[in-house]
Amino acid sequence: MIGDPKSIDDYHDEPKELFIGADLPTDEAKDIINLLKDFSDIFDWTYADMPGLDSTIVEHKITTGPLVTPT
């Protein structure tokens, strides 16, 4: 992504987190938002939408010493 992300609040009927480049020209940003709205049903938005996803690529493991207590 080039530039800072810009949050899109009115993207969908249900709350979805979507960011596009804040530096995009207004007409280009509108075109991208409209395209994403038109095809929103083909995107996976949560891990529940992706039942075959290998958990080893989405889970993080933080290795700590045996005397470290999580806070």
C-alpha atoms as a PDB file:
ATOM      1  CA  MET A   1       0.000   0.000   0.000  1.00  0.00           C
ATOM      2  CA  ILE A   2       1.249   3.454  -0.810  1.00  0.00           C
ATOM      3  CA  GLY A   3       0.542   6.212   1.688  1.00  0.00           C
ATOM      4  CA  ASP A   4      -1.558   6.096   4.826  1.00  0.00           C
ATOM      5  CA  PRO A   5      -4.637   3.860   4.932  1.00  0.00           C
ATOM      6  CA  LYS A   6      -8.075   5.445   4.942  1.00  0.00           C
ATOM      7  CA  SER A   7     -10.917   3.734   6.818  1.00  0.00           C
ATOM      8  CA  ILE A   8     -14.142   3.213   4.878  1.00  0.00           C
ATOM      9  CA  ASP A   9     -17.079   3.380   7.299  1.00  0.00           C
ATOM     10  CA  ASP A  10     -20.020   3.168   4.905  1.00  0.00           C
ATOM     11  CA  TYR A  11     -18.653   0.196   2.995  1.00  0.00           C
ATOM     12  CA  HIS A  12     -21.305  -2.397   3.749  1.00  0.00           C
ATOM     13  CA  ASP A  13     -24.601  -2.937   5.599  1.00  0.00           C
ATOM     14  CA  GLU A  14     -22.761  -5.038   8.179  1.00  0.00           C
ATOM     15  CA  PRO A  15     -19.670  -3.525   9.784  1.00  0.00           C
ATOM     16  CA  LYS A  16     -16.558  -4.525   7.853  1.00  0.00           C
ATOM     17  CA  GLU A  17     -13.032  -3.287   8.274  1.00  0.00           C
ATOM     18  CA  LEU A  18     -11.751  -1.913   5.000  1.00  0.00           C
ATOM     19  CA  PHE A  19      -8.853   0.388   4.331  1.00  0.00           C
ATOM     20  CA  ILE A  20      -7.743   1.896   1.056  1.00  0.00           C
ATOM     21  CA  GLY A  21      -4.882   4.242   0.280  1.00  0.00           C
ATOM     22  CA  ALA A  22      -5.656   7.748   1.541  1.00  0.00           C
ATOM     23  CA  ASP A  23      -3.624   9.197  -1.325  1.00  0.00           C
ATOM     24  CA  LEU A  24      -5.895   7.768  -4.025  1.00  0.00           C
ATOM     25  CA  PRO A  25      -7.670  10.320  -6.179  1.00  0.00           C
ATOM     26  CA  THR A  26     -11.335  10.676  -5.135  1.00  0.00           C
ATOM     27  CA  ASP A  27     -12.753   9.195  -8.352  1.00  0.00           C
ATOM     28  CA  GLU A  28     -10.413   6.196  -8.170  1.00  0.00           C
ATOM     29  CA  ALA A  29     -11.264   5.601  -4.490  1.00  0.00           C
ATOM     30  CA  LYS A  30     -14.989   5.719  -5.304  1.00  0.00           C
ATOM     31  CA  ASP A  31     -14.496   3.214  -8.150  1.00  0.00           C
ATOM     32  CA  ILE A  32     -12.625   0.813  -5.856  1.00  0.00           C
ATOM     33  CA  ILE A  33     -15.231   1.129  -3.085  1.00  0.00           C
ATOM     34  CA  ASN A  34     -18.067   0.517  -5.560  1.00  0.00           C
ATOM     35  CA  LEU A  35     -16.287  -2.519  -6.975  1.00  0.00           C
ATOM     36  CA  LEU A  36     -15.766  -3.966  -3.501  1.00  0.00           C
ATOM     37  CA  LYS A  37     -19.411  -3.299  -2.606  1.00  0.00           C
ATOM     38  CA  ASP A  38     -20.606  -4.986  -5.789  1.00  0.00           C
ATOM     39  CA  PHE A  39     -18.519  -8.100  -5.123  1.00  0.00           C
ATOM     40  CA  SER A  40     -18.606  -8.149  -1.295  1.00  0.00           C
ATOM     41  CA  ASP A  41     -20.208 -11.599  -1.288  1.00  0.00           C
ATOM     42  CA  ILE A  42     -17.065 -13.217  -2.737  1.00  0.00           C
ATOM     43  CA  PHE A  43     -14.682 -11.991  -0.012  1.00  0.00           C
ATOM     44  CA  ASP A  44     -13.963 -13.877   3.207  1.00  0.00           C
ATOM     45  CA  TRP A  45     -14.209 -11.444   6.092  1.00  0.00           C
ATOM     46  CA  THR A  46     -13.612 -13.681   9.115  1.00  0.00           C
ATOM     47  CA  TYR A  47     -11.770 -16.889   9.911  1.00  0.00           C
ATOM     48  CA  ALA A  48     -15.205 -18.542  10.198  1.00  0.00           C
ATOM     49  CA  ASP A  49     -15.669 -17.793   6.480  1.00  0.00           C
ATOM     50  CA  MET A  50     -12.558 -19.873   5.735  1.00  0.00           C
ATOM     51  CA  PRO A  51     -13.121 -23.310   7.277  1.00  0.00           C
ATOM     52  CA  GLY A  52     -10.276 -24.964   5.365  1.00  0.00           C
ATOM     53  CA  LEU A  53      -7.665 -22.432   6.441  1.00  0.00           C
ATOM     54  CA  ASP A  54      -4.522 -23.993   7.890  1.00  0.00           C
ATOM     55  CA  SER A  55      -4.225 -22.661  11.442  1.00  0.00           C
ATOM     56  CA  THR A  56      -0.438 -22.774  11.279  1.00  0.00           C
ATOM     57  CA  ILE A  57      -0.464 -19.764   8.972  1.00  0.00           C
ATOM     58  CA  VAL A  58      -2.846 -17.631  11.044  1.00  0.00           C
ATOM     59  CA  GLU A  59      -1.805 -18.405  14.615  1.00  0.00           C
ATOM     60  CA  HIS A  60       1.077 -16.686  16.332  1.00  0.00           C
ATOM     61  CA  LYS A  61       3.352 -18.345  18.848  1.00  0.00           C
ATOM     62  CA  ILE A  62       5.371 -16.253  21.254  1.00  0.00           C
ATOM     63  CA  THR A  63       8.194 -18.199  22.788  1.00  0.00           C
ATOM     64  CA  THR A  64       9.134 -17.034  26.273  1.00  0.00           C
ATOM     65  CA  GLY A  65      11.345 -18.311  29.047  1.00  0.00           C
ATOM     66  CA  PRO A  66      10.018 -20.907  31.545  1.00  0.00           C
ATOM     67  CA  LEU A  67       9.911 -18.311  34.340  1.00  0.00           C
ATOM     68  CA  VAL A  68       7.914 -15.716  32.371  1.00  0.00           C
ATOM     69  CA  THR A  69       4.301 -15.301  33.477  1.00  0.00           C
ATOM     70  CA  PRO A  70       1.816 -13.986  30.913  1.00  0.00           C
ATOM     71  CA  THR A  71       0.095 -10.776  31.941  1.00  0.00           C
END
